[in-house]
Amino acid sequence: MAEEGDIITPLDLDASSPAPNGEDTSPAIGLISQYIKDLSVENPNAPESYQWTDAPEVSIDFNIGARPLGPDVHEIEMKITGTSKTAQGTMYVVELLYGALIGMRNVTEEQAHPFLFAEGPRLVFPFARRIIADAVRDAGYPPLLLEPIDFNGLYLQQLQARQAEELAAGTAGQA
């Protein structure tokens, strides 16, 4: 029985199935590093655009990708493009490709996929958001403050859409 102050290891918690040769078989996921892969700020109509008085319309495009770099390391790529336009033309375009290295050990594909496409992006988004805001501010415009994103909700929505497409394709092939 563990006393207060004792260190409990995973083997203490599950003594019924000891790991072979003391190998750690517990699932583990961690953020190794995050970095800017590419950052671009275009200001095509400067200095005239600084005089425009119309309220700009800002559109945001967002894309997440992931790829394995080794047996225990994956890279997440988050691409964010913000475009600000008025009737007079484009004020600015900011594009960020933000990367993160994720370490995973003893994790199934069913566990890894949601982490790479929902939880990992949720963890690094605040840093990418700040970079976008600073880049737009440094271009001479008010900072572009991106709203928080429900990555888990978007992931589930895309997963359901993909399953519906697969189901529709399966029934269409049987007709």
N, C-alpha and C. Protein backbone atom coordinates (compact mmCIF):
# COMPACT_ATOMS: atom_id res chain seq x y z
N MET A 1 0.85 -1.17 0.00
CA MET A 1 0.00 0.00 0.00
C MET A 1 0.89 1.23 0.00
N ALA A 2 0.59 2.18 -0.87
CA ALA A 2 1.40 3.39 -0.99
C ALA A 2 1.08 4.34 0.16
N GLU A 3 2.13 4.90 0.72
CA GLU A 3 2.00 5.89 1.79
C GLU A 3 2.15 7.28 1.19
N GLU A 4 1.73 8.29 1.93
CA GLU A 4 1.89 9.66 1.46
C GLU A 4 3.37 9.95 1.26
N GLY A 5 3.70 10.55 0.10
CA GLY A 5 5.09 10.86 -0.21
C GLY A 5 5.78 9.78 -1.02
N ASP A 6 5.18 8.57 -1.13
CA ASP A 6 5.76 7.52 -1.95
C ASP A 6 5.61 7.87 -3.42
N ILE A 7 6.56 7.45 -4.22
CA ILE A 7 6.48 7.63 -5.66
C ILE A 7 5.80 6.41 -6.26
N ILE A 8 4.74 6.64 -7.01
CA ILE A 8 3.99 5.55 -7.63
C ILE A 8 4.35 5.52 -9.11
N THR A 9 4.79 4.39 -9.59
CA THR A 9 5.11 4.23 -11.01
C THR A 9 3.95 3.51 -11.68
N PRO A 10 3.90 3.55 -13.04
CA PRO A 10 2.83 2.82 -13.73
C PRO A 10 2.80 1.34 -13.37
N LEU A 11 3.97 0.75 -13.07
CA LEU A 11 3.99 -0.67 -12.72
C LEU A 11 3.31 -0.91 -11.38
N ASP A 12 3.41 0.08 -10.46
CA ASP A 12 2.74 -0.07 -9.17
C ASP A 12 1.23 -0.06 -9.34
N LEU A 13 0.75 0.69 -10.32
CA LEU A 13 -0.69 0.81 -10.53
C LEU A 13 -1.29 -0.42 -11.19
N ASP A 14 -0.47 -1.14 -11.98
CA ASP A 14 -1.00 -2.29 -12.71
C ASP A 14 -0.01 -3.45 -12.57
N ALA A 15 0.10 -3.97 -11.38
CA ALA A 15 1.07 -5.04 -11.13
C ALA A 15 0.66 -6.35 -11.78
N SER A 16 -0.58 -6.47 -12.24
CA SER A 16 -1.04 -7.72 -12.83
C SER A 16 -0.42 -7.98 -14.19
N SER A 17 0.05 -6.92 -14.88
CA SER A 17 0.65 -7.12 -16.20
C SER A 17 1.97 -6.35 -16.31
N PRO A 18 3.02 -6.91 -15.71
CA PRO A 18 4.30 -6.20 -15.76
C PRO A 18 4.84 -6.14 -17.19
N ALA A 19 5.56 -5.06 -17.48
CA ALA A 19 6.13 -4.87 -18.80
C ALA A 19 7.32 -5.79 -18.99
N PRO A 20 7.49 -6.34 -20.19
CA PRO A 20 8.62 -7.22 -20.43
C PRO A 20 9.93 -6.43 -20.33
N ASN A 21 10.90 -7.01 -19.62
CA ASN A 21 12.23 -6.43 -19.47
C ASN A 21 12.21 -5.00 -18.95
N GLY A 22 11.18 -4.63 -18.22
CA GLY A 22 11.10 -3.29 -17.66
C GLY A 22 10.80 -2.20 -18.67
N GLU A 23 10.43 -2.59 -19.89
CA GLU A 23 10.13 -1.62 -20.94
C GLU A 23 8.88 -0.83 -20.59
N ASP A 24 8.91 0.48 -20.85
CA ASP A 24 7.75 1.33 -20.60
C ASP A 24 6.79 1.20 -21.77
N THR A 25 5.63 0.62 -21.52
CA THR A 25 4.64 0.43 -22.58
C THR A 25 3.44 1.35 -22.41
N SER A 26 3.55 2.31 -21.49
CA SER A 26 2.46 3.26 -21.28
C SER A 26 2.37 4.22 -22.45
N PRO A 27 1.15 4.57 -22.86
CA PRO A 27 1.02 5.58 -23.93
C PRO A 27 1.54 6.93 -23.45
N ALA A 28 2.23 7.64 -24.34
CA ALA A 28 2.76 8.96 -24.00
C ALA A 28 2.71 9.84 -25.24
N ILE A 29 2.25 11.07 -25.06
CA ILE A 29 2.20 12.06 -26.13
C ILE A 29 2.72 13.36 -25.55
N GLY A 30 3.56 14.06 -26.32
CA GLY A 30 4.08 15.33 -25.84
C GLY A 30 4.47 16.25 -26.98
N LEU A 31 4.42 17.53 -26.69
CA LEU A 31 4.84 18.55 -27.64
C LEU A 31 6.35 18.70 -27.52
N ILE A 32 7.06 18.49 -28.62
CA ILE A 32 8.52 18.57 -28.62
C ILE A 32 8.97 19.99 -28.94
N SER A 33 8.39 20.56 -29.99
CA SER A 33 8.82 21.89 -30.44
C SER A 33 7.74 22.49 -31.32
N GLN A 34 7.77 23.80 -31.47
CA GLN A 34 6.88 24.49 -32.41
C GLN A 34 7.67 25.61 -33.06
N TYR A 35 7.30 25.95 -34.31
CA TYR A 35 8.15 26.85 -35.09
C TYR A 35 7.39 27.42 -36.28
N ILE A 36 7.89 28.54 -36.77
CA ILE A 36 7.38 29.15 -37.99
C ILE A 36 8.09 28.47 -39.16
N LYS A 37 7.32 27.89 -40.08
CA LYS A 37 7.90 27.32 -41.30
C LYS A 37 7.93 28.36 -42.41
N ASP A 38 6.88 29.20 -42.46
CA ASP A 38 6.82 30.25 -43.48
C ASP A 38 5.89 31.34 -42.98
N LEU A 39 6.29 32.59 -43.17
CA LEU A 39 5.47 33.73 -42.80
C LEU A 39 5.58 34.76 -43.90
N SER A 40 4.43 35.18 -44.41
CA SER A 40 4.40 36.14 -45.50
C SER A 40 3.35 37.20 -45.20
N VAL A 41 3.74 38.47 -45.37
CA VAL A 41 2.80 39.58 -45.24
C VAL A 41 2.91 40.40 -46.51
N GLU A 42 1.81 40.47 -47.23
CA GLU A 42 1.77 41.27 -48.45
C GLU A 42 0.93 42.51 -48.18
N ASN A 43 1.44 43.64 -48.64
CA ASN A 43 0.78 44.92 -48.46
C ASN A 43 0.74 45.57 -49.85
N PRO A 44 -0.07 45.01 -50.78
CA PRO A 44 0.04 45.35 -52.19
C PRO A 44 -0.37 46.78 -52.58
N ASN A 45 -1.18 47.42 -51.79
CA ASN A 45 -1.65 48.75 -52.15
C ASN A 45 -1.15 49.84 -51.21
N ALA A 46 -0.07 49.58 -50.51
CA ALA A 46 0.52 50.62 -49.65
C ALA A 46 1.23 51.64 -50.54
N PRO A 47 1.22 52.87 -50.22
CA PRO A 47 0.69 53.51 -49.02
C PRO A 47 -0.76 53.95 -49.16
N GLU A 48 -1.35 53.80 -50.37
CA GLU A 48 -2.73 54.25 -50.58
C GLU A 48 -3.71 53.59 -49.62
N SER A 49 -3.51 52.29 -49.34
CA SER A 49 -4.47 51.55 -48.51
C SER A 49 -4.59 52.12 -47.10
N TYR A 50 -3.57 52.84 -46.64
CA TYR A 50 -3.65 53.44 -45.30
C TYR A 50 -4.64 54.60 -45.25
N GLN A 51 -5.01 55.11 -46.42
CA GLN A 51 -5.94 56.24 -46.49
C GLN A 51 -7.39 55.79 -46.71
N TRP A 52 -7.61 54.53 -47.02
CA TRP A 52 -8.95 54.04 -47.28
C TRP A 52 -9.80 54.11 -46.02
N THR A 53 -11.04 54.53 -46.17
CA THR A 53 -11.91 54.70 -45.00
C THR A 53 -12.97 53.62 -44.87
N ASP A 54 -13.19 52.83 -45.93
CA ASP A 54 -14.18 51.75 -45.86
C ASP A 54 -13.73 50.69 -44.86
N ALA A 55 -14.69 50.13 -44.14
CA ALA A 55 -14.38 49.02 -43.23
C ALA A 55 -13.99 47.81 -44.06
N PRO A 56 -12.86 47.20 -43.76
CA PRO A 56 -12.44 46.04 -44.55
C PRO A 56 -13.24 44.78 -44.23
N GLU A 57 -13.31 43.90 -45.21
CA GLU A 57 -13.87 42.57 -45.02
C GLU A 57 -12.69 41.62 -44.90
N VAL A 58 -12.63 40.90 -43.80
CA VAL A 58 -11.51 40.00 -43.54
C VAL A 58 -11.99 38.57 -43.69
N SER A 59 -11.26 37.79 -44.48
CA SER A 59 -11.57 36.37 -44.61
C SER A 59 -10.37 35.57 -44.09
N ILE A 60 -10.68 34.46 -43.46
CA ILE A 60 -9.66 33.59 -42.88
C ILE A 60 -9.81 32.20 -43.49
N ASP A 61 -8.72 31.67 -44.00
CA ASP A 61 -8.67 30.28 -44.46
C ASP A 61 -7.74 29.53 -43.52
N PHE A 62 -8.13 28.31 -43.21
CA PHE A 62 -7.42 27.54 -42.20
C PHE A 62 -7.29 26.10 -42.68
N ASN A 63 -6.10 25.52 -42.54
CA ASN A 63 -5.90 24.13 -42.95
C ASN A 63 -4.92 23.47 -41.98
N ILE A 64 -5.17 22.21 -41.65
CA ILE A 64 -4.29 21.45 -40.76
C ILE A 64 -3.86 20.19 -41.48
N GLY A 65 -2.59 19.91 -41.41
CA GLY A 65 -2.04 18.68 -41.96
C GLY A 65 -1.12 18.03 -40.94
N ALA A 66 -0.87 16.75 -41.11
CA ALA A 66 0.03 16.04 -40.22
C ALA A 66 0.73 14.95 -41.01
N ARG A 67 1.98 14.69 -40.62
CA ARG A 67 2.73 13.63 -41.28
C ARG A 67 3.72 13.01 -40.30
N PRO A 68 3.99 11.72 -40.45
CA PRO A 68 4.98 11.08 -39.58
C PRO A 68 6.39 11.44 -40.05
N LEU A 69 7.27 11.69 -39.11
CA LEU A 69 8.69 11.94 -39.42
C LEU A 69 9.56 10.77 -38.99
N GLY A 70 9.00 9.91 -38.18
CA GLY A 70 9.71 8.74 -37.67
C GLY A 70 8.72 7.90 -36.90
N PRO A 71 9.17 6.83 -36.28
CA PRO A 71 8.23 5.96 -35.59
C PRO A 71 7.55 6.63 -34.39
N ASP A 72 8.21 7.58 -33.75
CA ASP A 72 7.64 8.22 -32.56
C ASP A 72 7.46 9.73 -32.70
N VAL A 73 7.68 10.29 -33.89
CA VAL A 73 7.60 11.74 -34.07
C VAL A 73 6.72 12.07 -35.27
N HIS A 74 5.80 13.01 -35.07
CA HIS A 74 4.93 13.50 -36.13
C HIS A 74 5.05 15.02 -36.20
N GLU A 75 4.77 15.56 -37.37
CA GLU A 75 4.73 17.00 -37.53
C GLU A 75 3.31 17.43 -37.85
N ILE A 76 2.85 18.46 -37.17
CA ILE A 76 1.58 19.10 -37.47
C ILE A 76 1.92 20.38 -38.23
N GLU A 77 1.21 20.63 -39.32
CA GLU A 77 1.34 21.89 -40.05
C GLU A 77 -0.01 22.60 -40.02
N MET A 78 0.02 23.83 -39.54
CA MET A 78 -1.18 24.65 -39.47
C MET A 78 -0.96 25.83 -40.42
N LYS A 79 -1.81 25.92 -41.45
CA LYS A 79 -1.70 27.02 -42.40
C LYS A 79 -2.88 27.96 -42.20
N ILE A 80 -2.55 29.22 -41.94
CA ILE A 80 -3.57 30.24 -41.72
C ILE A 80 -3.33 31.37 -42.71
N THR A 81 -4.36 31.72 -43.47
CA THR A 81 -4.28 32.83 -44.41
C THR A 81 -5.38 33.82 -44.07
N GLY A 82 -4.99 35.07 -43.86
CA GLY A 82 -5.94 36.15 -43.59
C GLY A 82 -5.85 37.18 -44.70
N THR A 83 -6.99 37.55 -45.28
CA THR A 83 -7.03 38.54 -46.36
C THR A 83 -8.00 39.64 -45.96
N SER A 84 -7.54 40.89 -46.07
CA SER A 84 -8.35 42.05 -45.75
C SER A 84 -8.58 42.85 -47.03
N LYS A 85 -9.87 43.01 -47.41
CA LYS A 85 -10.22 43.72 -48.64
C LYS A 85 -11.28 44.78 -48.37
N THR A 86 -11.25 45.82 -49.19
CA THR A 86 -12.32 46.82 -49.22
C THR A 86 -12.74 46.97 -50.67
N ALA A 87 -13.68 47.86 -50.94
CA ALA A 87 -14.12 48.11 -52.32
C ALA A 87 -12.96 48.64 -53.17
N GLN A 88 -12.01 49.32 -52.52
CA GLN A 88 -10.86 49.87 -53.26
C GLN A 88 -9.82 48.81 -53.63
N GLY A 89 -9.79 47.70 -52.91
CA GLY A 89 -8.82 46.64 -53.22
C GLY A 89 -8.36 45.91 -51.97
N THR A 90 -7.30 45.15 -52.14
CA THR A 90 -6.74 44.36 -51.04
C THR A 90 -5.85 45.24 -50.17
N MET A 91 -6.11 45.21 -48.88
CA MET A 91 -5.27 45.95 -47.94
C MET A 91 -4.04 45.13 -47.59
N TYR A 92 -4.26 43.88 -47.16
CA TYR A 92 -3.13 43.01 -46.84
C TYR A 92 -3.55 41.56 -46.96
N VAL A 93 -2.53 40.72 -47.11
CA VAL A 93 -2.68 39.27 -47.05
C VAL A 93 -1.58 38.77 -46.13
N VAL A 94 -1.94 38.04 -45.11
CA VAL A 94 -0.96 37.44 -44.21
C VAL A 94 -1.14 35.93 -44.28
N GLU A 95 -0.01 35.23 -44.40
CA GLU A 95 -0.05 33.77 -44.50
C GLU A 95 1.01 33.20 -43.57
N LEU A 96 0.58 32.30 -42.73
CA LEU A 96 1.48 31.65 -41.78
C LEU A 96 1.39 30.15 -41.94
N LEU A 97 2.54 29.51 -42.07
CA LEU A 97 2.63 28.05 -42.01
C LEU A 97 3.39 27.76 -40.73
N TYR A 98 2.66 27.22 -39.75
CA TYR A 98 3.21 27.00 -38.41
C TYR A 98 3.34 25.51 -38.17
N GLY A 99 4.48 25.09 -37.68
CA GLY A 99 4.72 23.67 -37.46
C GLY A 99 4.89 23.33 -36.00
N ALA A 100 4.63 22.08 -35.67
CA ALA A 100 4.84 21.57 -34.33
C ALA A 100 5.27 20.12 -34.43
N LEU A 101 6.26 19.76 -33.64
CA LEU A 101 6.68 18.36 -33.55
C LEU A 101 6.01 17.72 -32.34
N ILE A 102 5.39 16.58 -32.57
CA ILE A 102 4.67 15.86 -31.53
C ILE A 102 5.33 14.49 -31.36
N GLY A 103 5.71 14.19 -30.14
CA GLY A 103 6.25 12.87 -29.83
C GLY A 103 5.13 11.96 -29.35
N MET A 104 5.10 10.74 -29.90
CA MET A 104 4.07 9.76 -29.51
C MET A 104 4.73 8.40 -29.34
N ARG A 105 4.39 7.76 -28.23
CA ARG A 105 4.92 6.43 -27.99
C ARG A 105 3.80 5.55 -27.45
N ASN A 106 3.68 4.37 -28.01
CA ASN A 106 2.68 3.39 -27.57
C ASN A 106 1.26 3.94 -27.71
N VAL A 107 1.00 4.61 -28.82
CA VAL A 107 -0.31 5.22 -29.08
C VAL A 107 -0.87 4.58 -30.35
N THR A 108 -2.13 4.15 -30.29
CA THR A 108 -2.76 3.55 -31.46
C THR A 108 -3.12 4.62 -32.48
N GLU A 109 -3.38 4.23 -33.71
CA GLU A 109 -3.80 5.17 -34.75
C GLU A 109 -5.11 5.85 -34.36
N GLU A 110 -6.01 5.09 -33.70
CA GLU A 110 -7.29 5.66 -33.27
C GLU A 110 -7.10 6.76 -32.24
N GLN A 111 -6.02 6.70 -31.46
CA GLN A 111 -5.72 7.75 -30.48
C GLN A 111 -4.88 8.86 -31.10
N ALA A 112 -3.99 8.51 -32.02
CA ALA A 112 -3.06 9.48 -32.60
C ALA A 112 -3.78 10.47 -33.52
N HIS A 113 -4.68 9.98 -34.36
CA HIS A 113 -5.34 10.84 -35.35
C HIS A 113 -6.07 12.02 -34.71
N PRO A 114 -6.92 11.80 -33.69
CA PRO A 114 -7.59 12.96 -33.08
C PRO A 114 -6.60 13.91 -32.40
N PHE A 115 -5.51 13.39 -31.87
CA PHE A 115 -4.54 14.29 -31.24
C PHE A 115 -3.86 15.15 -32.30
N LEU A 116 -3.48 14.55 -33.42
CA LEU A 116 -2.77 15.29 -34.46
C LEU A 116 -3.64 16.33 -35.15
N PHE A 117 -4.94 16.06 -35.26
CA PHE A 117 -5.81 16.96 -36.01
C PHE A 117 -6.75 17.80 -35.14
N ALA A 118 -6.76 17.57 -33.82
CA ALA A 118 -7.64 18.37 -32.95
C ALA A 118 -6.89 18.90 -31.73
N GLU A 119 -6.38 18.02 -30.90
CA GLU A 119 -5.77 18.46 -29.65
C GLU A 119 -4.42 19.16 -29.87
N GLY A 120 -3.58 18.64 -30.74
CA GLY A 120 -2.30 19.30 -31.03
C GLY A 120 -2.49 20.71 -31.58
N PRO A 121 -3.34 20.88 -32.60
CA PRO A 121 -3.60 22.25 -33.09
C PRO A 121 -4.17 23.17 -32.01
N ARG A 122 -5.01 22.62 -31.13
CA ARG A 122 -5.55 23.44 -30.04
C ARG A 122 -4.43 23.95 -29.12
N LEU A 123 -3.43 23.12 -28.90
CA LEU A 123 -2.32 23.51 -28.04
C LEU A 123 -1.44 24.60 -28.64
N VAL A 124 -1.20 24.54 -29.95
CA VAL A 124 -0.27 25.50 -30.57
C VAL A 124 -0.96 26.72 -31.18
N PHE A 125 -2.29 26.69 -31.32
CA PHE A 125 -3.01 27.81 -31.94
C PHE A 125 -2.75 29.16 -31.28
N PRO A 126 -2.73 29.25 -29.95
CA PRO A 126 -2.50 30.58 -29.36
C PRO A 126 -1.18 31.23 -29.80
N PHE A 127 -0.17 30.42 -30.06
CA PHE A 127 1.12 30.95 -30.50
C PHE A 127 1.02 31.44 -31.95
N ALA A 128 0.36 30.66 -32.80
CA ALA A 128 0.15 31.07 -34.19
C ALA A 128 -0.71 32.32 -34.26
N ARG A 129 -1.71 32.38 -33.41
CA ARG A 129 -2.61 33.55 -33.35
C ARG A 129 -1.83 34.82 -33.04
N ARG A 130 -0.91 34.74 -32.09
CA ARG A 130 -0.10 35.89 -31.73
C ARG A 130 0.80 36.33 -32.87
N ILE A 131 1.38 35.37 -33.57
CA ILE A 131 2.26 35.68 -34.70
C ILE A 131 1.49 36.43 -35.79
N ILE A 132 0.27 35.96 -36.10
CA ILE A 132 -0.58 36.62 -37.09
C ILE A 132 -0.89 38.05 -36.65
N ALA A 133 -1.30 38.22 -35.40
CA ALA A 133 -1.66 39.55 -34.90
C ALA A 133 -0.46 40.50 -34.97
N ASP A 134 0.70 40.02 -34.57
CA ASP A 134 1.90 40.87 -34.60
C ASP A 134 2.31 41.22 -36.02
N ALA A 135 2.22 40.26 -36.94
CA ALA A 135 2.62 40.49 -38.33
C ALA A 135 1.73 41.55 -38.98
N VAL A 136 0.44 41.49 -38.75
CA VAL A 136 -0.49 42.47 -39.33
C VAL A 136 -0.25 43.84 -38.69
N ARG A 137 -0.05 43.86 -37.39
CA ARG A 137 0.25 45.12 -36.71
C ARG A 137 1.56 45.73 -37.23
N ASP A 138 2.57 44.88 -37.43
CA ASP A 138 3.85 45.37 -37.94
C ASP A 138 3.75 45.86 -39.38
N ALA A 139 2.71 45.44 -40.11
CA ALA A 139 2.48 45.93 -41.47
C ALA A 139 1.77 47.28 -41.46
N GLY A 140 1.39 47.77 -40.27
CA GLY A 140 0.79 49.09 -40.16
C GLY A 140 -0.71 49.10 -40.00
N TYR A 141 -1.31 47.94 -39.77
CA TYR A 141 -2.76 47.84 -39.62
C TYR A 141 -3.09 47.42 -38.19
N PRO A 142 -4.35 47.57 -37.78
CA PRO A 142 -4.73 47.05 -36.47
C PRO A 142 -4.49 45.54 -36.44
N PRO A 143 -4.06 44.99 -35.31
CA PRO A 143 -3.78 43.54 -35.24
C PRO A 143 -5.00 42.71 -35.63
N LEU A 144 -4.76 41.65 -36.35
CA LEU A 144 -5.82 40.70 -36.71
C LEU A 144 -5.91 39.69 -35.57
N LEU A 145 -6.96 39.82 -34.77
CA LEU A 145 -7.15 38.94 -33.61
C LEU A 145 -8.10 37.82 -33.99
N LEU A 146 -7.55 36.65 -34.20
CA LEU A 146 -8.36 35.49 -34.57
C LEU A 146 -9.15 34.99 -33.37
N GLU A 147 -10.40 34.65 -33.63
CA GLU A 147 -11.25 34.09 -32.58
C GLU A 147 -10.76 32.69 -32.21
N PRO A 148 -10.99 32.26 -30.97
CA PRO A 148 -10.66 30.87 -30.61
C PRO A 148 -11.41 29.90 -31.52
N ILE A 149 -10.80 28.76 -31.76
CA ILE A 149 -11.36 27.76 -32.66
C ILE A 149 -11.62 26.48 -31.87
N ASP A 150 -12.79 25.88 -32.07
CA ASP A 150 -13.14 24.60 -31.45
C ASP A 150 -12.60 23.48 -32.34
N PHE A 151 -11.33 23.15 -32.16
CA PHE A 151 -10.70 22.13 -33.00
C PHE A 151 -11.34 20.76 -32.83
N ASN A 152 -11.72 20.42 -31.61
CA ASN A 152 -12.37 19.12 -31.39
C ASN A 152 -13.71 19.05 -32.10
N GLY A 153 -14.50 20.13 -32.04
CA GLY A 153 -15.78 20.17 -32.73
C GLY A 153 -15.61 20.07 -34.24
N LEU A 154 -14.63 20.79 -34.78
CA LEU A 154 -14.36 20.73 -36.22
C LEU A 154 -13.90 19.34 -36.64
N TYR A 155 -13.07 18.72 -35.81
CA TYR A 155 -12.58 17.38 -36.11
C TYR A 155 -13.75 16.39 -36.18
N LEU A 156 -14.63 16.45 -35.18
CA LEU A 156 -15.78 15.54 -35.17
C LEU A 156 -16.70 15.81 -36.36
N GLN A 157 -16.89 17.07 -36.70
CA GLN A 157 -17.73 17.44 -37.84
C GLN A 157 -17.16 16.87 -39.14
N GLN A 158 -15.85 17.01 -39.34
CA GLN A 158 -15.22 16.47 -40.55
C GLN A 158 -15.24 14.96 -40.57
N LEU A 159 -15.07 14.35 -39.42
CA LEU A 159 -15.11 12.89 -39.33
C LEU A 159 -16.50 12.38 -39.71
N GLN A 160 -17.55 13.03 -39.22
CA GLN A 160 -18.92 12.64 -39.56
C GLN A 160 -19.20 12.85 -41.04
N ALA A 161 -18.70 13.95 -41.61
CA ALA A 161 -18.90 14.22 -43.04
C ALA A 161 -18.20 13.15 -43.88
N ARG A 162 -16.99 12.77 -43.48
CA ARG A 162 -16.25 11.74 -44.22
C ARG A 162 -16.96 10.39 -44.14
N GLN A 163 -17.50 10.06 -42.97
CA GLN A 163 -18.23 8.80 -42.82
C GLN A 163 -19.50 8.81 -43.66
N ALA A 164 -20.17 9.96 -43.73
CA ALA A 164 -21.38 10.06 -44.55
C ALA A 164 -21.04 9.91 -46.03
N GLU A 165 -19.92 10.48 -46.47
CA GLU A 165 -19.48 10.33 -47.86
C GLU A 165 -19.16 8.88 -48.18
N GLU A 166 -18.45 8.22 -47.25
CA GLU A 166 -18.11 6.82 -47.47
C GLU A 166 -19.35 5.95 -47.53
N LEU A 167 -20.32 6.24 -46.67
CA LEU A 167 -21.56 5.49 -46.67
C LEU A 167 -22.33 5.72 -47.97
N ALA A 168 -22.38 6.97 -48.44
CA ALA A 168 -23.06 7.28 -49.69
C ALA A 168 -22.35 6.62 -50.87
N ALA A 169 -21.03 6.63 -50.85
CA ALA A 169 -20.27 5.99 -51.94
C ALA A 169 -20.49 4.48 -51.92
N GLY A 170 -20.59 3.90 -50.74
CA GLY A 170 -20.81 2.45 -50.62
C GLY A 170 -22.19 2.04 -51.12
N THR A 171 -23.21 2.84 -50.83
CA THR A 171 -24.55 2.51 -51.29
C THR A 171 -24.71 2.82 -52.76
N ALA A 172 -24.01 3.83 -53.28
CA ALA A 172 -24.08 4.17 -54.70
C ALA A 172 -23.45 3.07 -55.54
N GLY A 173 -22.39 2.45 -55.02
CA GLY A 173 -21.72 1.38 -55.74
C GLY A 173 -22.56 0.11 -55.78
N GLN A 174 -23.52 -0.05 -54.87
CA GLN A 174 -24.34 -1.23 -54.84
C GLN A 174 -25.58 -1.12 -55.71
N ALA A 175 -25.92 0.09 -56.13
CA ALA A 175 -27.15 0.29 -56.91
C ALA A 175 -27.04 -0.22 -58.32
